Amino acid sequence: MSAAADDPARAAARVSAVATIGYVAFLVGPPLIGFLADQVGLLLALCVVLVLVALAGLASPSARELPRSDAPVETEPGDAPVRG
């Protein structure tokens, strides 16, 4: 939630999107798991949740902050600054 509010120009839209996704998952997830458990069994239904959590973990590095090109470059004394 706090990461969504980092950009002051678009904070309201981003925070509302994150909150909406959270509420939808909170309200739709348990009945969906219950329906799936009724069809295929509880263990298999919870395996679906495990797969979704693993996919979220694999996708999480894409949410990191990108390096800024205007950030100062650290150099050792006597070295020429190198942008990279």
PDB file of N, CA and C in Angstrom:
ATOM      1  N   MET A   1       0.829  -1.181   0.000  1.00  0.00           N
ATOM      2  CA  MET A   1       0.000   0.000   0.000  1.00  0.00           C
ATOM      3  C   MET A   1       0.876   1.247   0.000  1.00  0.00           C
ATOM      4  N   SER A   2       1.926   1.240   0.807  1.00  0.00           N
ATOM      5  CA  SER A   2       2.789   2.419   0.862  1.00  0.00           C
ATOM      6  C   SER A   2       3.576   2.586  -0.434  1.00  0.00           C
ATOM      7  N   ALA A   3       3.935   1.486  -1.071  1.00  0.00           N
ATOM      8  CA  ALA A   3       4.647   1.587  -2.348  1.00  0.00           C
ATOM      9  C   ALA A   3       3.745   2.179  -3.425  1.00  0.00           C
ATOM     10  N   ALA A   4       2.449   1.906  -3.346  1.00  0.00           N
ATOM     11  CA  ALA A   4       1.518   2.468  -4.321  1.00  0.00           C
ATOM     12  C   ALA A   4       1.375   3.974  -4.160  1.00  0.00           C
ATOM     13  N   ALA A   5       1.658   4.494  -2.974  1.00  0.00           N
ATOM     14  CA  ALA A   5       1.491   5.918  -2.712  1.00  0.00           C
ATOM     15  C   ALA A   5       2.786   6.704  -2.865  1.00  0.00           C
ATOM     16  N   ASP A   6       3.828   6.109  -3.408  1.00  0.00           N
ATOM     17  CA  ASP A   6       5.114   6.800  -3.546  1.00  0.00           C
ATOM     18  C   ASP A   6       5.071   7.980  -4.503  1.00  0.00           C
ATOM     19  N   ASP A   7       4.315   7.879  -5.564  1.00  0.00           N
ATOM     20  CA  ASP A   7       4.247   8.944  -6.564  1.00  0.00           C
ATOM     21  C   ASP A   7       3.072   9.860  -6.227  1.00  0.00           C
ATOM     22  N   PRO A   8       3.332  11.092  -5.762  1.00  0.00           N
ATOM     23  CA  PRO A   8       2.232  11.967  -5.339  1.00  0.00           C
ATOM     24  C   PRO A   8       1.231  12.278  -6.451  1.00  0.00           C
ATOM     25  N   ALA A   9       1.678  12.283  -7.682  1.00  0.00           N
ATOM     26  CA  ALA A   9       0.782  12.631  -8.782  1.00  0.00           C
ATOM     27  C   ALA A   9      -0.262  11.551  -9.041  1.00  0.00           C
ATOM     28  N   ARG A  10       0.092  10.289  -8.800  1.00  0.00           N
ATOM     29  CA  ARG A  10      -0.835   9.193  -9.089  1.00  0.00           C
ATOM     30  C   ARG A  10      -1.135   8.344  -7.859  1.00  0.00           C
ATOM     31  N   ALA A  11      -0.892   8.854  -6.676  1.00  0.00           N
ATOM     32  CA  ALA A  11      -1.052   8.072  -5.453  1.00  0.00           C
ATOM     33  C   ALA A  11      -2.498   7.622  -5.234  1.00  0.00           C
ATOM     34  N   ALA A  12      -3.448   8.496  -5.452  1.00  0.00           N
ATOM     35  CA  ALA A  12      -4.849   8.141  -5.180  1.00  0.00           C
ATOM     36  C   ALA A  12      -5.310   6.993  -6.067  1.00  0.00           C
ATOM     37  N   ALA A  13      -4.998   7.055  -7.333  1.00  0.00           N
ATOM     38  CA  ALA A  13      -5.413   5.990  -8.252  1.00  0.00           C
ATOM     39  C   ALA A  13      -4.726   4.674  -7.921  1.00  0.00           C
ATOM     40  N   ARG A  14      -3.447   4.746  -7.594  1.00  0.00           N
ATOM     41  CA  ARG A  14      -2.712   3.514  -7.284  1.00  0.00           C
ATOM     42  C   ARG A  14      -3.187   2.884  -5.984  1.00  0.00           C
ATOM     43  N   VAL A  15      -3.389   3.681  -4.956  1.00  0.00           N
ATOM     44  CA  VAL A  15      -3.848   3.148  -3.668  1.00  0.00           C
ATOM     45  C   VAL A  15      -5.246   2.556  -3.819  1.00  0.00           C
ATOM     46  N   SER A  16      -6.116   3.213  -4.575  1.00  0.00           N
ATOM     47  CA  SER A  16      -7.461   2.662  -4.768  1.00  0.00           C
ATOM     48  C   SER A  16      -7.419   1.354  -5.547  1.00  0.00           C
ATOM     49  N   ALA A  17      -6.511   1.223  -6.506  1.00  0.00           N
ATOM     50  CA  ALA A  17      -6.376  -0.037  -7.246  1.00  0.00           C
ATOM     51  C   ALA A  17      -5.886  -1.155  -6.335  1.00  0.00           C
ATOM     52  N   VAL A  18      -4.904  -0.867  -5.490  1.00  0.00           N
ATOM     53  CA  VAL A  18      -4.389  -1.875  -4.562  1.00  0.00           C
ATOM     54  C   VAL A  18      -5.471  -2.281  -3.567  1.00  0.00           C
ATOM     55  N   ALA A  19      -6.218  -1.316  -3.049  1.00  0.00           N
ATOM     56  CA  ALA A  19      -7.281  -1.622  -2.098  1.00  0.00           C
ATOM     57  C   ALA A  19      -8.387  -2.444  -2.748  1.00  0.00           C
ATOM     58  N   THR A  20      -8.737  -2.128  -3.979  1.00  0.00           N
ATOM     59  CA  THR A  20      -9.765  -2.878  -4.688  1.00  0.00           C
ATOM     60  C   THR A  20      -9.344  -4.321  -4.907  1.00  0.00           C
ATOM     61  N   ILE A  21      -8.100  -4.531  -5.327  1.00  0.00           N
ATOM     62  CA  ILE A  21      -7.599  -5.889  -5.527  1.00  0.00           C
ATOM     63  C   ILE A  21      -7.620  -6.654  -4.210  1.00  0.00           C
ATOM     64  N   GLY A  22      -7.230  -6.017  -3.125  1.00  0.00           N
ATOM     65  CA  GLY A  22      -7.234  -6.668  -1.819  1.00  0.00           C
ATOM     66  C   GLY A  22      -8.624  -7.050  -1.365  1.00  0.00           C
ATOM     67  N   TYR A  23      -9.583  -6.148  -1.513  1.00  0.00           N
ATOM     68  CA  TYR A  23     -10.954  -6.446  -1.098  1.00  0.00           C
ATOM     69  C   TYR A  23     -11.582  -7.533  -1.963  1.00  0.00           C
ATOM     70  N   VAL A  24     -11.333  -7.509  -3.269  1.00  0.00           N
ATOM     71  CA  VAL A  24     -11.873  -8.546  -4.149  1.00  0.00           C
ATOM     72  C   VAL A  24     -11.304  -9.906  -3.766  1.00  0.00           C
ATOM     73  N   ALA A  25     -10.007  -9.973  -3.524  1.00  0.00           N
ATOM     74  CA  ALA A  25      -9.400 -11.236  -3.114  1.00  0.00           C
ATOM     75  C   ALA A  25      -9.957 -11.706  -1.780  1.00  0.00           C
ATOM     76  N   PHE A  26     -10.188 -10.789  -0.844  1.00  0.00           N
ATOM     77  CA  PHE A  26     -10.714 -11.119   0.478  1.00  0.00           C
ATOM     78  C   PHE A  26     -12.145 -11.644   0.388  1.00  0.00           C
ATOM     79  N   LEU A  27     -12.956 -11.056  -0.492  1.00  0.00           N
ATOM     80  CA  LEU A  27     -14.362 -11.435  -0.587  1.00  0.00           C
ATOM     81  C   LEU A  27     -14.615 -12.613  -1.530  1.00  0.00           C
ATOM     82  N   VAL A  28     -13.862 -12.737  -2.599  1.00  0.00           N
ATOM     83  CA  VAL A  28     -14.095 -13.768  -3.601  1.00  0.00           C
ATOM     84  C   VAL A  28     -13.266 -15.021  -3.332  1.00  0.00           C
ATOM     85  N   GLY A  29     -12.100 -14.877  -2.730  1.00  0.00           N
ATOM     86  CA  GLY A  29     -11.194 -16.006  -2.534  1.00  0.00           C
ATOM     87  C   GLY A  29     -11.759 -17.166  -1.741  1.00  0.00           C
ATOM     88  N   PRO A  30     -12.255 -16.937  -0.516  1.00  0.00           N
ATOM     89  CA  PRO A  30     -12.764 -18.068   0.267  1.00  0.00           C
ATOM     90  C   PRO A  30     -13.928 -18.829  -0.382  1.00  0.00           C
ATOM     91  N   PRO A  31     -14.951 -18.156  -0.931  1.00  0.00           N
ATOM     92  CA  PRO A  31     -15.995 -18.936  -1.603  1.00  0.00           C
ATOM     93  C   PRO A  31     -15.472 -19.698  -2.822  1.00  0.00           C
ATOM     94  N   LEU A  32     -14.517 -19.098  -3.519  1.00  0.00           N
ATOM     95  CA  LEU A  32     -13.951 -19.779  -4.688  1.00  0.00           C
ATOM     96  C   LEU A  32     -13.170 -21.020  -4.269  1.00  0.00           C
ATOM     97  N   ILE A  33     -12.412 -20.916  -3.193  1.00  0.00           N
ATOM     98  CA  ILE A  33     -11.688 -22.082  -2.680  1.00  0.00           C
ATOM     99  C   ILE A  33     -12.680 -23.143  -2.206  1.00  0.00           C
ATOM    100  N   GLY A  34     -13.765 -22.736  -1.548  1.00  0.00           N
ATOM    101  CA  GLY A  34     -14.782 -23.678  -1.106  1.00  0.00           C
ATOM    102  C   GLY A  34     -15.443 -24.399  -2.267  1.00  0.00           C
ATOM    103  N   PHE A  35     -15.775 -23.655  -3.317  1.00  0.00           N
ATOM    104  CA  PHE A  35     -16.366 -24.275  -4.507  1.00  0.00           C
ATOM    105  C   PHE A  35     -15.393 -25.259  -5.137  1.00  0.00           C
ATOM    106  N   LEU A  36     -14.140 -24.845  -5.255  1.00  0.00           N
ATOM    107  CA  LEU A  36     -13.124 -25.718  -5.848  1.00  0.00           C
ATOM    108  C   LEU A  36     -12.902 -26.956  -4.980  1.00  0.00           C
ATOM    109  N   ALA A  37     -12.907 -26.789  -3.668  1.00  0.00           N
ATOM    110  CA  ALA A  37     -12.742 -27.927  -2.754  1.00  0.00           C
ATOM    111  C   ALA A  37     -13.912 -28.891  -2.874  1.00  0.00           C
ATOM    112  N   ASP A  38     -15.098 -28.382  -3.113  1.00  0.00           N
ATOM    113  CA  ASP A  38     -16.267 -29.241  -3.294  1.00  0.00           C
ATOM    114  C   ASP A  38     -16.151 -30.063  -4.570  1.00  0.00           C
ATOM    115  N   GLN A  39     -15.500 -29.497  -5.575  1.00  0.00           N
ATOM    116  CA  GLN A  39     -15.372 -30.187  -6.855  1.00  0.00           C
ATOM    117  C   GLN A  39     -14.216 -31.191  -6.883  1.00  0.00           C
ATOM    118  N   VAL A  40     -13.047 -30.793  -6.350  1.00  0.00           N
ATOM    119  CA  VAL A  40     -11.843 -31.627  -6.502  1.00  0.00           C
ATOM    120  C   VAL A  40     -11.222 -32.066  -5.185  1.00  0.00           C
ATOM    121  N   GLY A  41     -11.701 -31.563  -4.063  1.00  0.00           N
ATOM    122  CA  GLY A  41     -11.135 -31.911  -2.765  1.00  0.00           C
ATOM    123  C   GLY A  41     -10.354 -30.737  -2.187  1.00  0.00           C
ATOM    124  N   LEU A  42     -10.287 -30.719  -0.859  1.00  0.00           N
ATOM    125  CA  LEU A  42      -9.659 -29.589  -0.177  1.00  0.00           C
ATOM    126  C   LEU A  42      -8.169 -29.502  -0.440  1.00  0.00           C
ATOM    127  N   LEU A  43      -7.482 -30.638  -0.436  1.00  0.00           N
ATOM    128  CA  LEU A  43      -6.035 -30.609  -0.642  1.00  0.00           C
ATOM    129  C   LEU A  43      -5.678 -30.044  -2.008  1.00  0.00           C
ATOM    130  N   LEU A  44      -6.374 -30.473  -3.030  1.00  0.00           N
ATOM    131  CA  LEU A  44      -6.088 -29.961  -4.370  1.00  0.00           C
ATOM    132  C   LEU A  44      -6.469 -28.482  -4.493  1.00  0.00           C
ATOM    133  N   ALA A  45      -7.544 -28.080  -3.826  1.00  0.00           N
ATOM    134  CA  ALA A  45      -7.943 -26.671  -3.856  1.00  0.00           C
ATOM    135  C   ALA A  45      -6.889 -25.800  -3.190  1.00  0.00           C
ATOM    136  N   LEU A  46      -6.317 -26.288  -2.091  1.00  0.00           N
ATOM    137  CA  LEU A  46      -5.268 -25.507  -1.430  1.00  0.00           C
ATOM    138  C   LEU A  46      -3.958 -25.549  -2.211  1.00  0.00           C
ATOM    139  N   CYS A  47      -3.752 -26.572  -3.020  1.00  0.00           N
ATOM    140  CA  CYS A  47      -2.579 -26.600  -3.908  1.00  0.00           C
ATOM    141  C   CYS A  47      -2.676 -25.494  -4.953  1.00  0.00           C
ATOM    142  N   VAL A  48      -3.892 -25.174  -5.382  1.00  0.00           N
ATOM    143  CA  VAL A  48      -4.088 -24.055  -6.313  1.00  0.00           C
ATOM    144  C   VAL A  48      -3.641 -22.757  -5.647  1.00  0.00           C
ATOM    145  N   VAL A  49      -3.984 -22.592  -4.375  1.00  0.00           N
ATOM    146  CA  VAL A  49      -3.552 -21.406  -3.632  1.00  0.00           C
ATOM    147  C   VAL A  49      -2.026 -21.379  -3.545  1.00  0.00           C
ATOM    148  N   LEU A  50      -1.415 -22.521  -3.288  1.00  0.00           N
ATOM    149  CA  LEU A  50       0.046 -22.601  -3.218  1.00  0.00           C
ATOM    150  C   LEU A  50       0.693 -22.190  -4.536  1.00  0.00           C
ATOM    151  N   VAL A  51       0.132 -22.636  -5.645  1.00  0.00           N
ATOM    152  CA  VAL A  51       0.674 -22.268  -6.958  1.00  0.00           C
ATOM    153  C   VAL A  51       0.541 -20.763  -7.184  1.00  0.00           C
ATOM    154  N   LEU A  52      -0.589 -20.188  -6.800  1.00  0.00           N
ATOM    155  CA  LEU A  52      -0.773 -18.742  -6.974  1.00  0.00           C
ATOM    156  C   LEU A  52       0.193 -17.935  -6.111  1.00  0.00           C
ATOM    157  N   VAL A  53       0.451 -18.407  -4.896  1.00  0.00           N
ATOM    158  CA  VAL A  53       1.415 -17.728  -4.024  1.00  0.00           C
ATOM    159  C   VAL A  53       2.821 -17.833  -4.614  1.00  0.00           C
ATOM    160  N   ALA A  54       3.164 -18.997  -5.165  1.00  0.00           N
ATOM    161  CA  ALA A  54       4.483 -19.168  -5.789  1.00  0.00           C
ATOM    162  C   ALA A  54       4.631 -18.253  -6.998  1.00  0.00           C
ATOM    163  N   LEU A  55       3.587 -18.129  -7.804  1.00  0.00           N
ATOM    164  CA  LEU A  55       3.640 -17.225  -8.960  1.00  0.00           C
ATOM    165  C   LEU A  55       3.795 -15.768  -8.516  1.00  0.00           C
ATOM    166  N   ALA A  56       3.113 -15.396  -7.447  1.00  0.00           N
ATOM    167  CA  ALA A  56       3.258 -14.030  -6.923  1.00  0.00           C
ATOM    168  C   ALA A  56       4.681 -13.800  -6.439  1.00  0.00           C
ATOM    169  N   GLY A  57       5.274 -14.799  -5.812  1.00  0.00           N
ATOM    170  CA  GLY A  57       6.664 -14.674  -5.360  1.00  0.00           C
ATOM    171  C   GLY A  57       7.632 -14.537  -6.518  1.00  0.00           C
ATOM    172  N   LEU A  58       7.375 -15.267  -7.597  1.00  0.00           N
ATOM    173  CA  LEU A  58       8.240 -15.157  -8.776  1.00  0.00           C
ATOM    174  C   LEU A  58       8.081 -13.814  -9.476  1.00  0.00           C
ATOM    175  N   ALA A  59       6.895 -13.243  -9.410  1.00  0.00           N
ATOM    176  CA  ALA A  59       6.639 -11.961 -10.068  1.00  0.00           C
ATOM    177  C   ALA A  59       7.045 -10.769  -9.209  1.00  0.00           C
ATOM    178  N   SER A  60       7.318 -10.971  -7.940  1.00  0.00           N
ATOM    179  CA  SER A  60       7.591  -9.846  -7.046  1.00  0.00           C
ATOM    180  C   SER A  60       8.832  -9.024  -7.398  1.00  0.00           C
ATOM    181  N   PRO A  61       9.906  -9.589  -7.981  1.00  0.00           N
ATOM    182  CA  PRO A  61      11.034  -8.723  -8.341  1.00  0.00           C
ATOM    183  C   PRO A  61      10.680  -7.630  -9.349  1.00  0.00           C
ATOM    184  N   SER A  62       9.626  -7.815 -10.123  1.00  0.00           N
ATOM    185  CA  SER A  62       9.255  -6.782 -11.093  1.00  0.00           C
ATOM    186  C   SER A  62       8.674  -5.543 -10.419  1.00  0.00           C
ATOM    187  N   ALA A  63       8.373  -5.620  -9.124  1.00  0.00           N
ATOM    188  CA  ALA A  63       7.828  -4.469  -8.406  1.00  0.00           C
ATOM    189  C   ALA A  63       8.907  -3.607  -7.772  1.00  0.00           C
ATOM    190  N   ARG A  64      10.168  -3.994  -7.912  1.00  0.00           N
ATOM    191  CA  ARG A  64      11.226  -3.204  -7.282  1.00  0.00           C
ATOM    192  C   ARG A  64      11.415  -1.876  -8.020  1.00  0.00           C
ATOM    193  N   GLU A  65      11.998  -0.935  -7.316  1.00  0.00           N
ATOM    194  CA  GLU A  65      12.217   0.388  -7.890  1.00  0.00           C
ATOM    195  C   GLU A  65      13.359   0.331  -8.899  1.00  0.00           C
ATOM    196  N   LEU A  66      13.138   0.921 -10.052  1.00  0.00           N
ATOM    197  CA  LEU A  66      14.170   0.961 -11.077  1.00  0.00           C
ATOM    198  C   LEU A  66      15.212   2.017 -10.724  1.00  0.00           C
ATOM    199  N   PRO A  67      16.469   1.787 -11.080  1.00  0.00           N
ATOM    200  CA  PRO A  67      17.487   2.802 -10.791  1.00  0.00           C
ATOM    201  C   PRO A  67      17.224   4.066 -11.598  1.00  0.00           C
ATOM    202  N   ARG A  68      17.454   5.191 -10.947  1.00  0.00           N
ATOM    203  CA  ARG A  68      17.247   6.478 -11.612  1.00  0.00           C
ATOM    204  C   ARG A  68      18.490   6.853 -12.392  1.00  0.00           C
ATOM    205  N   SER A  69      18.305   7.390 -13.586  1.00  0.00           N
ATOM    206  CA  SER A  69      19.445   7.767 -14.414  1.00  0.00           C
ATOM    207  C   SER A  69      20.060   9.091 -13.968  1.00  0.00           C
ATOM    208  N   ASP A  70      19.315   9.915 -13.211  1.00  0.00           N
ATOM    209  CA  ASP A  70      19.854  11.195 -12.758  1.00  0.00           C
ATOM    210  C   ASP A  70      20.479  11.102 -11.370  1.00  0.00           C
ATOM    211  N   ALA A  71      20.576   9.894 -10.828  1.00  0.00           N
ATOM    212  CA  ALA A  71      21.187   9.717  -9.506  1.00  0.00           C
ATOM    213  C   ALA A  71      22.692   9.938  -9.608  1.00  0.00           C
ATOM    214  N   PRO A  72      23.298  10.505  -8.574  1.00  0.00           N
ATOM    215  CA  PRO A  72      24.741  10.714  -8.618  1.00  0.00           C
ATOM    216  C   PRO A  72      25.483   9.372  -8.630  1.00  0.00           C
ATOM    217  N   VAL A  73      26.580   9.364  -9.345  1.00  0.00           N
ATOM    218  CA  VAL A  73      27.389   8.155  -9.464  1.00  0.00           C
ATOM    219  C   VAL A  73      28.520   8.238  -8.456  1.00  0.00           C
ATOM    220  N   GLU A  74      28.699   7.177  -7.675  1.00  0.00           N
ATOM    221  CA  GLU A  74      29.782   7.157  -6.697  1.00  0.00           C
ATOM    222  C   GLU A  74      31.087   6.788  -7.398  1.00  0.00           C
ATOM    223  N   THR A  75      32.117   7.549  -7.105  1.00  0.00           N
ATOM    224  CA  THR A  75      33.431   7.265  -7.690  1.00  0.00           C
ATOM    225  C   THR A  75      34.484   7.320  -6.604  1.00  0.00           C
ATOM    226  N   GLU A  76      35.574   6.689  -6.866  1.00  0.00           N
ATOM    227  CA  GLU A  76      36.735   6.755  -5.984  1.00  0.00           C
ATOM    228  C   GLU A  76      37.492   8.038  -6.320  1.00  0.00           C
ATOM    229  N   PRO A  77      38.218   8.597  -5.359  1.00  0.00           N
ATOM    230  CA  PRO A  77      39.000   9.803  -5.642  1.00  0.00           C
ATOM    231  C   PRO A  77      39.995   9.535  -6.780  1.00  0.00           C
ATOM    232  N   GLY A  78      40.008  10.414  -7.758  1.00  0.00           N
ATOM    233  CA  GLY A  78      40.922  10.283  -8.884  1.00  0.00           C
ATOM    234  C   GLY A  78      40.322   9.547 -10.069  1.00  0.00           C
ATOM    235  N   ASP A  79      39.183   8.883  -9.888  1.00  0.00           N
ATOM    236  CA  ASP A  79      38.541   8.168 -10.989  1.00  0.00           C
ATOM    237  C   ASP A  79      37.648   9.110 -11.762  1.00  0.00           C
ATOM    238  N   ALA A  80      37.503   8.855 -13.055  1.00  0.00           N
ATOM    239  CA  ALA A  80      36.576   9.617 -13.876  1.00  0.00           C
ATOM    240  C   ALA A  80      35.177   9.034 -13.640  1.00  0.00           C
ATOM    241  N   PRO A  81      34.155   9.877 -13.523  1.00  0.00           N
ATOM    242  CA  PRO A  81      32.791   9.350 -13.327  1.00  0.00           C
ATOM    243  C   PRO A  81      32.344   8.533 -14.526  1.00  0.00           C
ATOM    244  N   VAL A  82      31.742   7.406 -14.242  1.00  0.00           N
ATOM    245  CA  VAL A  82      31.255   6.518 -15.297  1.00  0.00           C
ATOM    246  C   VAL A  82      29.774   6.316 -15.073  1.00  0.00           C
ATOM    247  N   ARG A  83      28.988   6.586 -16.099  1.00  0.00           N
ATOM    248  CA  ARG A  83      27.542   6.342 -16.024  1.00  0.00           C
ATOM    249  C   ARG A  83      27.277   4.970 -16.592  1.00  0.00           C
ATOM    250  N   GLY A  84      26.430   4.205 -15.900  1.00  0.00           N
ATOM    251  CA  GLY A  84      26.229   2.877 -16.428  1.00  0.00           C
ATOM    252  C   GLY A  84      24.926   2.382 -16.214  1.00  0.00           C
TER     253      GLY A  84
END
